[in-house]
Amino acid sequence: MQSFGKKLRECREVKKISQNELAKLIEAHHSIIGKYERDEVKPSIDVVVKIANTLNTTVGYLLGETKDNNALQDPLMLKHLNEINNLPNKEKEALLLTLDAFLRDFKTKQAFSS
């Protein structure tokens, strides 16, 4: 399981926000975000709520209490979806066809293994 600091950094990088920008948005000292990300300091629950709201994620995700199956709440999945969305149409269609084939194969294997 990833630490709070690693999840915070992942979410912040997906949103393309610097540590200084995040500190300003949550009204904190500019050096504290780095300390949170290195797991040197644990934030209060109020600060975690501010961070989660600012980064469009959940407190549970940041604290490792939930795995957030919702792709729009998972920063890594959101990053990949954004990258796919920015591909040229031809490449996007090819990738989606490959993904469809993979998912069909996966579901078929699951159905027969039960």
PDB file of N, CA and C in Angstrom:
ATOM      1  N   MET A   1       0.849  -1.177   0.000  1.00  0.00           N
ATOM      2  CA  MET A   1       0.000   0.000   0.000  1.00  0.00           C
ATOM      3  C   MET A   1       0.898   1.244   0.000  1.00  0.00           C
ATOM      4  N   GLN A   2       0.540   2.197  -0.831  1.00  0.00           N
ATOM      5  CA  GLN A   2       1.293   3.444  -0.903  1.00  0.00           C
ATOM      6  C   GLN A   2       1.031   4.298   0.333  1.00  0.00           C
ATOM      7  N   SER A   3       2.047   5.041   0.720  1.00  0.00           N
ATOM      8  CA  SER A   3       1.910   5.942   1.858  1.00  0.00           C
ATOM      9  C   SER A   3       1.095   7.169   1.465  1.00  0.00           C
ATOM     10  N   PHE A   4       0.673   7.915   2.478  1.00  0.00           N
ATOM     11  CA  PHE A   4      -0.044   9.163   2.225  1.00  0.00           C
ATOM     12  C   PHE A   4       0.790  10.075   1.339  1.00  0.00           C
ATOM     13  N   GLY A   5       2.070  10.206   1.662  1.00  0.00           N
ATOM     14  CA  GLY A   5       2.943  11.102   0.904  1.00  0.00           C
ATOM     15  C   GLY A   5       3.027  10.744  -0.569  1.00  0.00           C
ATOM     16  N   LYS A   6       3.142   9.448  -0.853  1.00  0.00           N
ATOM     17  CA  LYS A   6       3.224   9.014  -2.256  1.00  0.00           C
ATOM     18  C   LYS A   6       1.913   9.269  -2.987  1.00  0.00           C
ATOM     19  N   LYS A   7       0.803   9.018  -2.308  1.00  0.00           N
ATOM     20  CA  LYS A   7      -0.496   9.270  -2.939  1.00  0.00           C
ATOM     21  C   LYS A   7      -0.714  10.763  -3.163  1.00  0.00           C
ATOM     22  N   LEU A   8      -0.284  11.565  -2.197  1.00  0.00           N
ATOM     23  CA  LEU A   8      -0.399  13.013  -2.340  1.00  0.00           C
ATOM     24  C   LEU A   8       0.397  13.479  -3.553  1.00  0.00           C
ATOM     25  N   ARG A   9       1.628  13.039  -3.655  1.00  0.00           N
ATOM     26  CA  ARG A   9       2.465  13.449  -4.788  1.00  0.00           C
ATOM     27  C   ARG A   9       1.857  13.001  -6.113  1.00  0.00           C
ATOM     28  N   GLU A  10       1.389  11.755  -6.161  1.00  0.00           N
ATOM     29  CA  GLU A  10       0.770  11.231  -7.378  1.00  0.00           C
ATOM     30  C   GLU A  10      -0.419  12.102  -7.796  1.00  0.00           C
ATOM     31  N   CYS A  11      -1.288  12.407  -6.851  1.00  0.00           N
ATOM     32  CA  CYS A  11      -2.472  13.224  -7.149  1.00  0.00           C
ATOM     33  C   CYS A  11      -2.076  14.632  -7.587  1.00  0.00           C
ATOM     34  N   ARG A  12      -1.105  15.196  -6.910  1.00  0.00           N
ATOM     35  CA  ARG A  12      -0.654  16.556  -7.242  1.00  0.00           C
ATOM     36  C   ARG A  12      -0.050  16.596  -8.642  1.00  0.00           C
ATOM     37  N   GLU A  13       0.759  15.598  -8.982  1.00  0.00           N
ATOM     38  CA  GLU A  13       1.389  15.571 -10.302  1.00  0.00           C
ATOM     39  C   GLU A  13       0.378  15.346 -11.417  1.00  0.00           C
ATOM     40  N   VAL A  14      -0.636  14.522 -11.151  1.00  0.00           N
ATOM     41  CA  VAL A  14      -1.690  14.312 -12.150  1.00  0.00           C
ATOM     42  C   VAL A  14      -2.399  15.626 -12.454  1.00  0.00           C
ATOM     43  N   LYS A  15      -2.615  16.438 -11.423  1.00  0.00           N
ATOM     44  CA  LYS A  15      -3.279  17.737 -11.600  1.00  0.00           C
ATOM     45  C   LYS A  15      -2.315  18.805 -12.125  1.00  0.00           C
ATOM     46  N   LYS A  16      -1.023  18.444 -12.235  1.00  0.00           N
ATOM     47  CA  LYS A  16       0.010  19.372 -12.724  1.00  0.00           C
ATOM     48  C   LYS A  16       0.071  20.641 -11.875  1.00  0.00           C
ATOM     49  N   ILE A  17       0.076  20.415 -10.559  1.00  0.00           N
ATOM     50  CA  ILE A  17       0.161  21.508  -9.592  1.00  0.00           C
ATOM     51  C   ILE A  17       1.497  21.369  -8.862  1.00  0.00           C
ATOM     52  N   SER A  18       2.236  22.455  -8.730  1.00  0.00           N
ATOM     53  CA  SER A  18       3.501  22.420  -7.990  1.00  0.00           C
ATOM     54  C   SER A  18       3.216  22.352  -6.489  1.00  0.00           C
ATOM     55  N   GLN A  19       4.243  22.014  -5.733  1.00  0.00           N
ATOM     56  CA  GLN A  19       4.099  22.000  -4.281  1.00  0.00           C
ATOM     57  C   GLN A  19       3.729  23.386  -3.769  1.00  0.00           C
ATOM     58  N   ASN A  20       4.362  24.410  -4.318  1.00  0.00           N
ATOM     59  CA  ASN A  20       4.055  25.783  -3.892  1.00  0.00           C
ATOM     60  C   ASN A  20       2.613  26.158  -4.202  1.00  0.00           C
ATOM     61  N   GLU A  21       2.140  25.779  -5.399  1.00  0.00           N
ATOM     62  CA  GLU A  21       0.754  26.093  -5.772  1.00  0.00           C
ATOM     63  C   GLU A  21      -0.229  25.401  -4.837  1.00  0.00           C
ATOM     64  N   LEU A  22       0.031  24.127  -4.543  1.00  0.00           N
ATOM     65  CA  LEU A  22      -0.863  23.399  -3.645  1.00  0.00           C
ATOM     66  C   LEU A  22      -0.864  24.045  -2.260  1.00  0.00           C
ATOM     67  N   ALA A  23       0.308  24.423  -1.786  1.00  0.00           N
ATOM     68  CA  ALA A  23       0.390  25.078  -0.473  1.00  0.00           C
ATOM     69  C   ALA A  23      -0.457  26.349  -0.447  1.00  0.00           C
ATOM     70  N   LYS A  24      -0.385  27.142  -1.500  1.00  0.00           N
ATOM     71  CA  LYS A  24      -1.198  28.367  -1.566  1.00  0.00           C
ATOM     72  C   LYS A  24      -2.684  28.036  -1.581  1.00  0.00           C
ATOM     73  N   LEU A  25      -3.049  27.014  -2.359  1.00  0.00           N
ATOM     74  CA  LEU A  25      -4.466  26.654  -2.481  1.00  0.00           C
ATOM     75  C   LEU A  25      -5.067  26.171  -1.161  1.00  0.00           C
ATOM     76  N   ILE A  26      -4.250  25.523  -0.341  1.00  0.00           N
ATOM     77  CA  ILE A  26      -4.775  25.046   0.949  1.00  0.00           C
ATOM     78  C   ILE A  26      -4.365  25.961   2.097  1.00  0.00           C
ATOM     79  N   GLU A  27      -3.779  27.111   1.741  1.00  0.00           N
ATOM     80  CA  GLU A  27      -3.381  28.128   2.719  1.00  0.00           C
ATOM     81  C   GLU A  27      -2.403  27.574   3.758  1.00  0.00           C
ATOM     82  N   ALA A  28      -1.317  26.960   3.238  1.00  0.00           N
ATOM     83  CA  ALA A  28      -0.282  26.401   4.109  1.00  0.00           C
ATOM     84  C   ALA A  28       1.077  26.963   3.703  1.00  0.00           C
ATOM     85  N   HIS A  29       2.064  26.767   4.542  1.00  0.00           N
ATOM     86  CA  HIS A  29       3.429  27.212   4.243  1.00  0.00           C
ATOM     87  C   HIS A  29       3.969  26.391   3.068  1.00  0.00           C
ATOM     88  N   HIS A  30       4.730  27.039   2.203  1.00  0.00           N
ATOM     89  CA  HIS A  30       5.183  26.386   0.972  1.00  0.00           C
ATOM     90  C   HIS A  30       6.045  25.145   1.204  1.00  0.00           C
ATOM     91  N   SER A  31       6.742  25.046   2.308  1.00  0.00           N
ATOM     92  CA  SER A  31       7.632  23.895   2.529  1.00  0.00           C
ATOM     93  C   SER A  31       6.909  22.661   3.066  1.00  0.00           C
ATOM     94  N   ILE A  32       5.691  22.825   3.551  1.00  0.00           N
ATOM     95  CA  ILE A  32       5.010  21.718   4.219  1.00  0.00           C
ATOM     96  C   ILE A  32       4.597  20.608   3.253  1.00  0.00           C
ATOM     97  N   ILE A  33       4.269  20.946   2.013  1.00  0.00           N
ATOM     98  CA  ILE A  33       3.830  19.921   1.062  1.00  0.00           C
ATOM     99  C   ILE A  33       4.952  18.907   0.831  1.00  0.00           C
ATOM    100  N   GLY A  34       6.175  19.379   0.669  1.00  0.00           N
ATOM    101  CA  GLY A  34       7.316  18.470   0.512  1.00  0.00           C
ATOM    102  C   GLY A  34       7.480  17.554   1.715  1.00  0.00           C
ATOM    103  N   LYS A  35       7.267  18.094   2.900  1.00  0.00           N
ATOM    104  CA  LYS A  35       7.365  17.283   4.120  1.00  0.00           C
ATOM    105  C   LYS A  35       6.268  16.225   4.157  1.00  0.00           C
ATOM    106  N   TYR A  36       5.053  16.605   3.719  1.00  0.00           N
ATOM    107  CA  TYR A  36       3.973  15.616   3.642  1.00  0.00           C
ATOM    108  C   TYR A  36       4.337  14.522   2.640  1.00  0.00           C
ATOM    109  N   GLU A  37       4.844  14.927   1.470  1.00  0.00           N
ATOM    110  CA  GLU A  37       5.146  13.959   0.417  1.00  0.00           C
ATOM    111  C   GLU A  37       6.286  13.020   0.803  1.00  0.00           C
ATOM    112  N   ARG A  38       7.195  13.477   1.637  1.00  0.00           N
ATOM    113  CA  ARG A  38       8.290  12.622   2.115  1.00  0.00           C
ATOM    114  C   ARG A  38       7.896  11.862   3.392  1.00  0.00           C
ATOM    115  N   ASP A  39       6.649  12.019   3.798  1.00  0.00           N
ATOM    116  CA  ASP A  39       6.120  11.377   5.011  1.00  0.00           C
ATOM    117  C   ASP A  39       6.919  11.757   6.257  1.00  0.00           C
ATOM    118  N   GLU A  40       7.443  12.979   6.269  1.00  0.00           N
ATOM    119  CA  GLU A  40       8.159  13.491   7.443  1.00  0.00           C
ATOM    120  C   GLU A  40       7.191  14.074   8.464  1.00  0.00           C
ATOM    121  N   VAL A  41       6.065  14.580   7.985  1.00  0.00           N
ATOM    122  CA  VAL A  41       5.058  15.214   8.835  1.00  0.00           C
ATOM    123  C   VAL A  41       3.696  14.672   8.418  1.00  0.00           C
ATOM    124  N   LYS A  42       2.863  14.395   9.403  1.00  0.00           N
ATOM    125  CA  LYS A  42       1.494  13.946   9.126  1.00  0.00           C
ATOM    126  C   LYS A  42       0.548  15.137   9.254  1.00  0.00           C
ATOM    127  N   PRO A  43      -0.270  15.395   8.227  1.00  0.00           N
ATOM    128  CA  PRO A  43      -1.205  16.518   8.306  1.00  0.00           C
ATOM    129  C   PRO A  43      -2.398  16.195   9.201  1.00  0.00           C
ATOM    130  N   SER A  44      -3.042  17.240   9.672  1.00  0.00           N
ATOM    131  CA  SER A  44      -4.281  17.054  10.433  1.00  0.00           C
ATOM    132  C   SER A  44      -5.374  16.606   9.470  1.00  0.00           C
ATOM    133  N   ILE A  45      -6.442  16.081  10.010  1.00  0.00           N
ATOM    134  CA  ILE A  45      -7.548  15.633   9.164  1.00  0.00           C
ATOM    135  C   ILE A  45      -8.149  16.806   8.400  1.00  0.00           C
ATOM    136  N   ASP A  46      -8.173  17.986   9.007  1.00  0.00           N
ATOM    137  CA  ASP A  46      -8.689  19.171   8.308  1.00  0.00           C
ATOM    138  C   ASP A  46      -7.854  19.481   7.073  1.00  0.00           C
ATOM    139  N   VAL A  47      -6.549  19.342   7.197  1.00  0.00           N
ATOM    140  CA  VAL A  47      -5.658  19.599   6.063  1.00  0.00           C
ATOM    141  C   VAL A  47      -5.850  18.522   4.995  1.00  0.00           C
ATOM    142  N   VAL A  48      -6.008  17.273   5.408  1.00  0.00           N
ATOM    143  CA  VAL A  48      -6.230  16.189   4.445  1.00  0.00           C
ATOM    144  C   VAL A  48      -7.512  16.444   3.662  1.00  0.00           C
ATOM    145  N   VAL A  49      -8.549  16.916   4.334  1.00  0.00           N
ATOM    146  CA  VAL A  49      -9.812  17.246   3.654  1.00  0.00           C
ATOM    147  C   VAL A  49      -9.585  18.355   2.632  1.00  0.00           C
ATOM    148  N   LYS A  50      -8.850  19.398   3.000  1.00  0.00           N
ATOM    149  CA  LYS A  50      -8.559  20.495   2.061  1.00  0.00           C
ATOM    150  C   LYS A  50      -7.782  19.984   0.850  1.00  0.00           C
ATOM    151  N   ILE A  51      -6.785  19.142   1.114  1.00  0.00           N
ATOM    152  CA  ILE A  51      -5.975  18.594   0.021  1.00  0.00           C
ATOM    153  C   ILE A  51      -6.839  17.743  -0.903  1.00  0.00           C
ATOM    154  N   ALA A  52      -7.650  16.862  -0.332  1.00  0.00           N
ATOM    155  CA  ALA A  52      -8.510  15.994  -1.141  1.00  0.00           C
ATOM    156  C   ALA A  52      -9.450  16.820  -2.005  1.00  0.00           C
ATOM    157  N   ASN A  53     -10.069  17.832  -1.429  1.00  0.00           N
ATOM    158  CA  ASN A  53     -10.976  18.685  -2.197  1.00  0.00           C
ATOM    159  C   ASN A  53     -10.240  19.427  -3.301  1.00  0.00           C
ATOM    160  N   THR A  54      -9.060  19.926  -3.003  1.00  0.00           N
ATOM    161  CA  THR A  54      -8.277  20.681  -3.982  1.00  0.00           C
ATOM    162  C   THR A  54      -7.830  19.793  -5.136  1.00  0.00           C
ATOM    163  N   LEU A  55      -7.493  18.537  -4.834  1.00  0.00           N
ATOM    164  CA  LEU A  55      -6.984  17.624  -5.859  1.00  0.00           C
ATOM    165  C   LEU A  55      -8.072  16.734  -6.460  1.00  0.00           C
ATOM    166  N   ASN A  56      -9.325  17.002  -6.112  1.00  0.00           N
ATOM    167  CA  ASN A  56     -10.462  16.233  -6.639  1.00  0.00           C
ATOM    168  C   ASN A  56     -10.323  14.734  -6.400  1.00  0.00           C
ATOM    169  N   THR A  57      -9.962  14.379  -5.191  1.00  0.00           N
ATOM    170  CA  THR A  57      -9.912  12.982  -4.807  1.00  0.00           C
ATOM    171  C   THR A  57     -10.630  12.851  -3.470  1.00  0.00           C
ATOM    172  N   THR A  58     -10.497  11.706  -2.830  1.00  0.00           N
ATOM    173  CA  THR A  58     -11.176  11.498  -1.555  1.00  0.00           C
ATOM    174  C   THR A  58     -10.157  11.371  -0.426  1.00  0.00           C
ATOM    175  N   VAL A  59     -10.610  11.672   0.773  1.00  0.00           N
ATOM    176  CA  VAL A  59      -9.776  11.490   1.953  1.00  0.00           C
ATOM    177  C   VAL A  59      -9.406  10.014   2.076  1.00  0.00           C
ATOM    178  N   GLY A  60     -10.370   9.157   1.844  1.00  0.00           N
ATOM    179  CA  GLY A  60     -10.126   7.714   1.921  1.00  0.00           C
ATOM    180  C   GLY A  60      -9.033   7.254   0.983  1.00  0.00           C
ATOM    181  N   TYR A  61      -9.016   7.807  -0.227  1.00  0.00           N
ATOM    182  CA  TYR A  61      -7.970   7.426  -1.183  1.00  0.00           C
ATOM    183  C   TYR A  61      -6.606   7.884  -0.679  1.00  0.00           C
ATOM    184  N   LEU A  62      -6.512   9.129  -0.250  1.00  0.00           N
ATOM    185  CA  LEU A  62      -5.226   9.654   0.226  1.00  0.00           C
ATOM    186  C   LEU A  62      -4.704   8.887   1.438  1.00  0.00           C
ATOM    187  N   LEU A  63      -5.609   8.438   2.297  1.00  0.00           N
ATOM    188  CA  LEU A  63      -5.210   7.722   3.509  1.00  0.00           C
ATOM    189  C   LEU A  63      -5.062   6.220   3.286  1.00  0.00           C
ATOM    190  N   GLY A  64      -5.341   5.762   2.076  1.00  0.00           N
ATOM    191  CA  GLY A  64      -5.195   4.346   1.772  1.00  0.00           C
ATOM    192  C   GLY A  64      -6.322   3.485   2.288  1.00  0.00           C
ATOM    193  N   GLU A  65      -7.444   4.110   2.646  1.00  0.00           N
ATOM    194  CA  GLU A  65      -8.575   3.357   3.188  1.00  0.00           C
ATOM    195  C   GLU A  65      -9.485   2.805   2.105  1.00  0.00           C
ATOM    196  N   THR A  66      -9.447   3.402   0.930  1.00  0.00           N
ATOM    197  CA  THR A  66     -10.262   2.925  -0.180  1.00  0.00           C
ATOM    198  C   THR A  66      -9.399   2.819  -1.416  1.00  0.00           C
ATOM    199  N   LYS A  67      -9.797   1.930  -2.306  1.00  0.00           N
ATOM    200  CA  LYS A  67      -9.082   1.781  -3.566  1.00  0.00           C
ATOM    201  C   LYS A  67      -9.761   2.552  -4.680  1.00  0.00           C
ATOM    202  N   ASP A  68     -10.832   3.239  -4.392  1.00  0.00           N
ATOM    203  CA  ASP A  68     -11.550   4.038  -5.386  1.00  0.00           C
ATOM    204  C   ASP A  68     -11.589   3.375  -6.751  1.00  0.00           C
ATOM    205  N   ASN A  69     -12.562   2.504  -6.937  1.00  0.00           N
ATOM    206  CA  ASN A  69     -12.717   1.854  -8.231  1.00  0.00           C
ATOM    207  C   ASN A  69     -13.182   2.820  -9.301  1.00  0.00           C
ATOM    208  N   ASN A  70     -13.638   3.989  -8.907  1.00  0.00           N
ATOM    209  CA  ASN A  70     -14.072   5.002  -9.858  1.00  0.00           C
ATOM    210  C   ASN A  70     -12.847   5.572 -10.558  1.00  0.00           C
ATOM    211  N   ALA A  71     -12.755   5.367 -11.874  1.00  0.00           N
ATOM    212  CA  ALA A  71     -11.583   5.805 -12.644  1.00  0.00           C
ATOM    213  C   ALA A  71     -11.356   7.300 -12.526  1.00  0.00           C
ATOM    214  N   LEU A  72     -12.413   8.056 -12.332  1.00  0.00           N
ATOM    215  CA  LEU A  72     -12.255   9.502 -12.248  1.00  0.00           C
ATOM    216  C   LEU A  72     -11.713   9.942 -10.893  1.00  0.00           C
ATOM    217  N   GLN A  73     -11.679   9.052  -9.931  1.00  0.00           N
ATOM    218  CA  GLN A  73     -11.106   9.364  -8.622  1.00  0.00           C
ATOM    219  C   GLN A  73      -9.690   8.812  -8.482  1.00  0.00           C
ATOM    220  N   ASP A  74      -9.306   7.864  -9.351  1.00  0.00           N
ATOM    221  CA  ASP A  74      -7.975   7.267  -9.306  1.00  0.00           C
ATOM    222  C   ASP A  74      -7.032   8.114 -10.153  1.00  0.00           C
ATOM    223  N   PRO A  75      -6.091   8.804  -9.529  1.00  0.00           N
ATOM    224  CA  PRO A  75      -5.230   9.721 -10.278  1.00  0.00           C
ATOM    225  C   PRO A  75      -4.451   9.069 -11.412  1.00  0.00           C
ATOM    226  N   LEU A  76      -3.963   7.850 -11.204  1.00  0.00           N
ATOM    227  CA  LEU A  76      -3.201   7.187 -12.259  1.00  0.00           C
ATOM    228  C   LEU A  76      -4.103   6.853 -13.443  1.00  0.00           C
ATOM    229  N   MET A  77      -5.315   6.367 -13.155  1.00  0.00           N
ATOM    230  CA  MET A  77      -6.256   6.056 -14.228  1.00  0.00           C
ATOM    231  C   MET A  77      -6.661   7.330 -14.958  1.00  0.00           C
ATOM    232  N   LEU A  78      -6.884   8.384 -14.214  1.00  0.00           N
ATOM    233  CA  LEU A  78      -7.246   9.666 -14.819  1.00  0.00           C
ATOM    234  C   LEU A  78      -6.133  10.172 -15.727  1.00  0.00           C
ATOM    235  N   LYS A  79      -4.899  10.010 -15.280  1.00  0.00           N
ATOM    236  CA  LYS A  79      -3.748  10.420 -16.097  1.00  0.00           C
ATOM    237  C   LYS A  79      -3.742   9.651 -17.415  1.00  0.00           C
ATOM    238  N   HIS A  80      -3.939   8.326 -17.334  1.00  0.00           N
ATOM    239  CA  HIS A  80      -3.946   7.515 -18.553  1.00  0.00           C
ATOM    240  C   HIS A  80      -5.111   7.885 -19.468  1.00  0.00           C
ATOM    241  N   LEU A  81      -6.270   8.120 -18.884  1.00  0.00           N
ATOM    242  CA  LEU A  81      -7.422   8.506 -19.702  1.00  0.00           C
ATOM    243  C   LEU A  81      -7.173   9.832 -20.412  1.00  0.00           C
ATOM    244  N   ASN A  82      -6.554  10.769 -19.726  1.00  0.00           N
ATOM    245  CA  ASN A  82      -6.224  12.052 -20.355  1.00  0.00           C
ATOM    246  C   ASN A  82      -5.221  11.875 -21.483  1.00  0.00           C
ATOM    247  N   GLU A  83      -4.230  11.013 -21.272  1.00  0.00           N
ATOM    248  CA  GLU A  83      -3.238  10.760 -22.315  1.00  0.00           C
ATOM    249  C   GLU A  83      -3.884  10.111 -23.535  1.00  0.00           C
ATOM    250  N   ILE A  84      -4.771   9.157 -23.296  1.00  0.00           N
ATOM    251  CA  ILE A  84      -5.478   8.505 -24.405  1.00  0.00           C
ATOM    252  C   ILE A  84      -6.331   9.521 -25.142  1.00  0.00           C
ATOM    253  N   ASN A  85      -7.018  10.360 -24.405  1.00  0.00           N
ATOM    254  CA  ASN A  85      -7.884  11.366 -25.011  1.00  0.00           C
ATOM    255  C   ASN A  85      -7.113  12.342 -25.897  1.00  0.00           C
ATOM    256  N   ASN A  86      -5.834  12.558 -25.599  1.00  0.00           N
ATOM    257  CA  ASN A  86      -5.015  13.481 -26.378  1.00  0.00           C
ATOM    258  C   ASN A  86      -4.351  12.840 -27.592  1.00  0.00           C
ATOM    259  N   LEU A  87      -4.531  11.536 -27.767  1.00  0.00           N
ATOM    260  CA  LEU A  87      -3.960  10.866 -28.937  1.00  0.00           C
ATOM    261  C   LEU A  87      -4.708  11.276 -30.202  1.00  0.00           C
ATOM    262  N   PRO A  88      -4.031  11.205 -31.354  1.00  0.00           N
ATOM    263  CA  PRO A  88      -4.752  11.411 -32.620  1.00  0.00           C
ATOM    264  C   PRO A  88      -5.832  10.335 -32.766  1.00  0.00           C
ATOM    265  N   ASN A  89      -6.899  10.637 -33.480  1.00  0.00           N
ATOM    266  CA  ASN A  89      -8.048   9.730 -33.586  1.00  0.00           C
ATOM    267  C   ASN A  89      -7.674   8.329 -34.045  1.00  0.00           C
ATOM    268  N   LYS A  90      -6.791   8.214 -35.019  1.00  0.00           N
ATOM    269  CA  LYS A  90      -6.418   6.896 -35.547  1.00  0.00           C
ATOM    270  C   LYS A  90      -5.776   6.036 -34.457  1.00  0.00           C
ATOM    271  N   GLU A  91      -4.846   6.613 -33.717  1.00  0.00           N
ATOM    272  CA  GLU A  91      -4.178   5.883 -32.645  1.00  0.00           C
ATOM    273  C   GLU A  91      -5.142   5.581 -31.495  1.00  0.00           C
ATOM    274  N   LYS A  92      -6.022   6.526 -31.206  1.00  0.00           N
ATOM    275  CA  LYS A  92      -7.010   6.319 -30.145  1.00  0.00           C
ATOM    276  C   LYS A  92      -7.923   5.142 -30.497  1.00  0.00           C
ATOM    277  N   GLU A  93      -8.398   5.091 -31.736  1.00  0.00           N
ATOM    278  CA  GLU A  93      -9.270   3.994 -32.167  1.00  0.00           C
ATOM    279  C   GLU A  93      -8.545   2.657 -32.087  1.00  0.00           C
ATOM    280  N   ALA A  94      -7.277   2.618 -32.503  1.00  0.00           N
ATOM    281  CA  ALA A  94      -6.501   1.376 -32.438  1.00  0.00           C
ATOM    282  C   ALA A  94      -6.338   0.916 -30.992  1.00  0.00           C
ATOM    283  N   LEU A  95      -6.041   1.841 -30.109  1.00  0.00           N
ATOM    284  CA  LEU A  95      -5.877   1.502 -28.697  1.00  0.00           C
ATOM    285  C   LEU A  95      -7.189   0.997 -28.101  1.00  0.00           C
ATOM    286  N   LEU A  96      -8.292   1.642 -28.433  1.00  0.00           N
ATOM    287  CA  LEU A  96      -9.590   1.220 -27.898  1.00  0.00           C
ATOM    288  C   LEU A  96      -9.990  -0.154 -28.419  1.00  0.00           C
ATOM    289  N   LEU A  97      -9.668  -0.462 -29.677  1.00  0.00           N
ATOM    290  CA  LEU A  97      -9.937  -1.802 -30.214  1.00  0.00           C
ATOM    291  C   LEU A  97      -9.121  -2.850 -29.457  1.00  0.00           C
ATOM    292  N   THR A  98      -7.869  -2.543 -29.200  1.00  0.00           N
ATOM    293  CA  THR A  98      -7.007  -3.455 -28.446  1.00  0.00           C
ATOM    294  C   THR A  98      -7.542  -3.643 -27.030  1.00  0.00           C
ATOM    295  N   LEU A  99      -7.952  -2.561 -26.410  1.00  0.00           N
ATOM    296  CA  LEU A  99      -8.506  -2.624 -25.061  1.00  0.00           C
ATOM    297  C   LEU A  99      -9.794  -3.449 -25.033  1.00  0.00           C
ATOM    298  N   ASP A 100     -10.664  -3.243 -26.007  1.00  0.00           N
ATOM    299  CA  ASP A 100     -11.902  -4.030 -26.094  1.00  0.00           C
ATOM    300  C   ASP A 100     -11.594  -5.519 -26.205  1.00  0.00           C
ATOM    301  N   ALA A 101     -10.622  -5.872 -27.055  1.00  0.00           N
ATOM    302  CA  ALA A 101     -10.253  -7.280 -27.233  1.00  0.00           C
ATOM    303  C   ALA A 101      -9.697  -7.855 -25.929  1.00  0.00           C
ATOM    304  N   PHE A 102      -8.859  -7.095 -25.254  1.00  0.00           N
ATOM    305  CA  PHE A 102      -8.299  -7.548 -23.983  1.00  0.00           C
ATOM    306  C   PHE A 102      -9.407  -7.786 -22.957  1.00  0.00           C
ATOM    307  N   LEU A 103     -10.333  -6.839 -22.836  1.00  0.00           N
ATOM    308  CA  LEU A 103     -11.414  -6.966 -21.855  1.00  0.00           C
ATOM    309  C   LEU A 103     -12.329  -8.149 -22.172  1.00  0.00           C
ATOM    310  N   ARG A 104     -12.630  -8.351 -23.452  1.00  0.00           N
ATOM    311  CA  ARG A 104     -13.443  -9.501 -23.861  1.00  0.00           C
ATOM    312  C   ARG A 104     -12.754 -10.806 -23.461  1.00  0.00           C
ATOM    313  N   ASP A 105     -11.447 -10.894 -23.753  1.00  0.00           N
ATOM    314  CA  ASP A 105     -10.672 -12.085 -23.421  1.00  0.00           C
ATOM    315  C   ASP A 105     -10.642 -12.305 -21.908  1.00  0.00           C
ATOM    316  N   PHE A 106     -10.431 -11.245 -21.156  1.00  0.00           N
ATOM    317  CA  PHE A 106     -10.382 -11.333 -19.699  1.00  0.00           C
ATOM    318  C   PHE A 106     -11.716 -11.827 -19.138  1.00  0.00           C
ATOM    319  N   LYS A 107     -12.817 -11.265 -19.624  1.00  0.00           N
ATOM    320  CA  LYS A 107     -14.145 -11.664 -19.133  1.00  0.00           C
ATOM    321  C   LYS A 107     -14.452 -13.112 -19.489  1.00  0.00           C
ATOM    322  N   THR A 108     -14.029 -13.534 -20.670  1.00  0.00           N
ATOM    323  CA  THR A 108     -14.245 -14.919 -21.089  1.00  0.00           C
ATOM    324  C   THR A 108     -13.479 -15.870 -20.178  1.00  0.00           C
ATOM    325  N   LYS A 109     -12.228 -15.552 -19.902  1.00  0.00           N
ATOM    326  CA  LYS A 109     -11.424 -16.395 -19.013  1.00  0.00           C
ATOM    327  C   LYS A 109     -12.035 -16.457 -17.618  1.00  0.00           C
ATOM    328  N   GLN A 110     -12.544 -15.332 -17.136  1.00  0.00           N
ATOM    329  CA  GLN A 110     -13.182 -15.305 -15.814  1.00  0.00           C
ATOM    330  C   GLN A 110     -14.425 -16.179 -15.791  1.00  0.00           C
ATOM    331  N   ALA A 111     -15.216 -16.112 -16.857  1.00  0.00           N
ATOM    332  CA  ALA A 111     -16.459 -16.874 -16.916  1.00  0.00           C
ATOM    333  C   ALA A 111     -16.186 -18.375 -16.892  1.00  0.00           C
ATOM    334  N   PHE A 112     -15.115 -18.810 -17.551  1.00  0.00           N
ATOM    335  CA  PHE A 112     -14.822 -20.236 -17.619  1.00  0.00           C
ATOM    336  C   PHE A 112     -14.016 -20.744 -16.431  1.00  0.00           C
ATOM    337  N   SER A 113     -13.436 -19.854 -15.660  1.00  0.00           N
ATOM    338  CA  SER A 113     -12.661 -20.290 -14.498  1.00  0.00           C
ATOM    339  C   SER A 113     -13.526 -20.415 -13.251  1.00  0.00           C
ATOM    340  N   SER A 114     -14.744 -19.924 -13.309  1.00  0.00           N
ATOM    341  CA  SER A 114     -15.632 -19.961 -12.134  1.00  0.00           C
ATOM    342  C   SER A 114     -16.234 -21.312 -11.925  1.00  0.00           C
TER     343      SER A 114
END
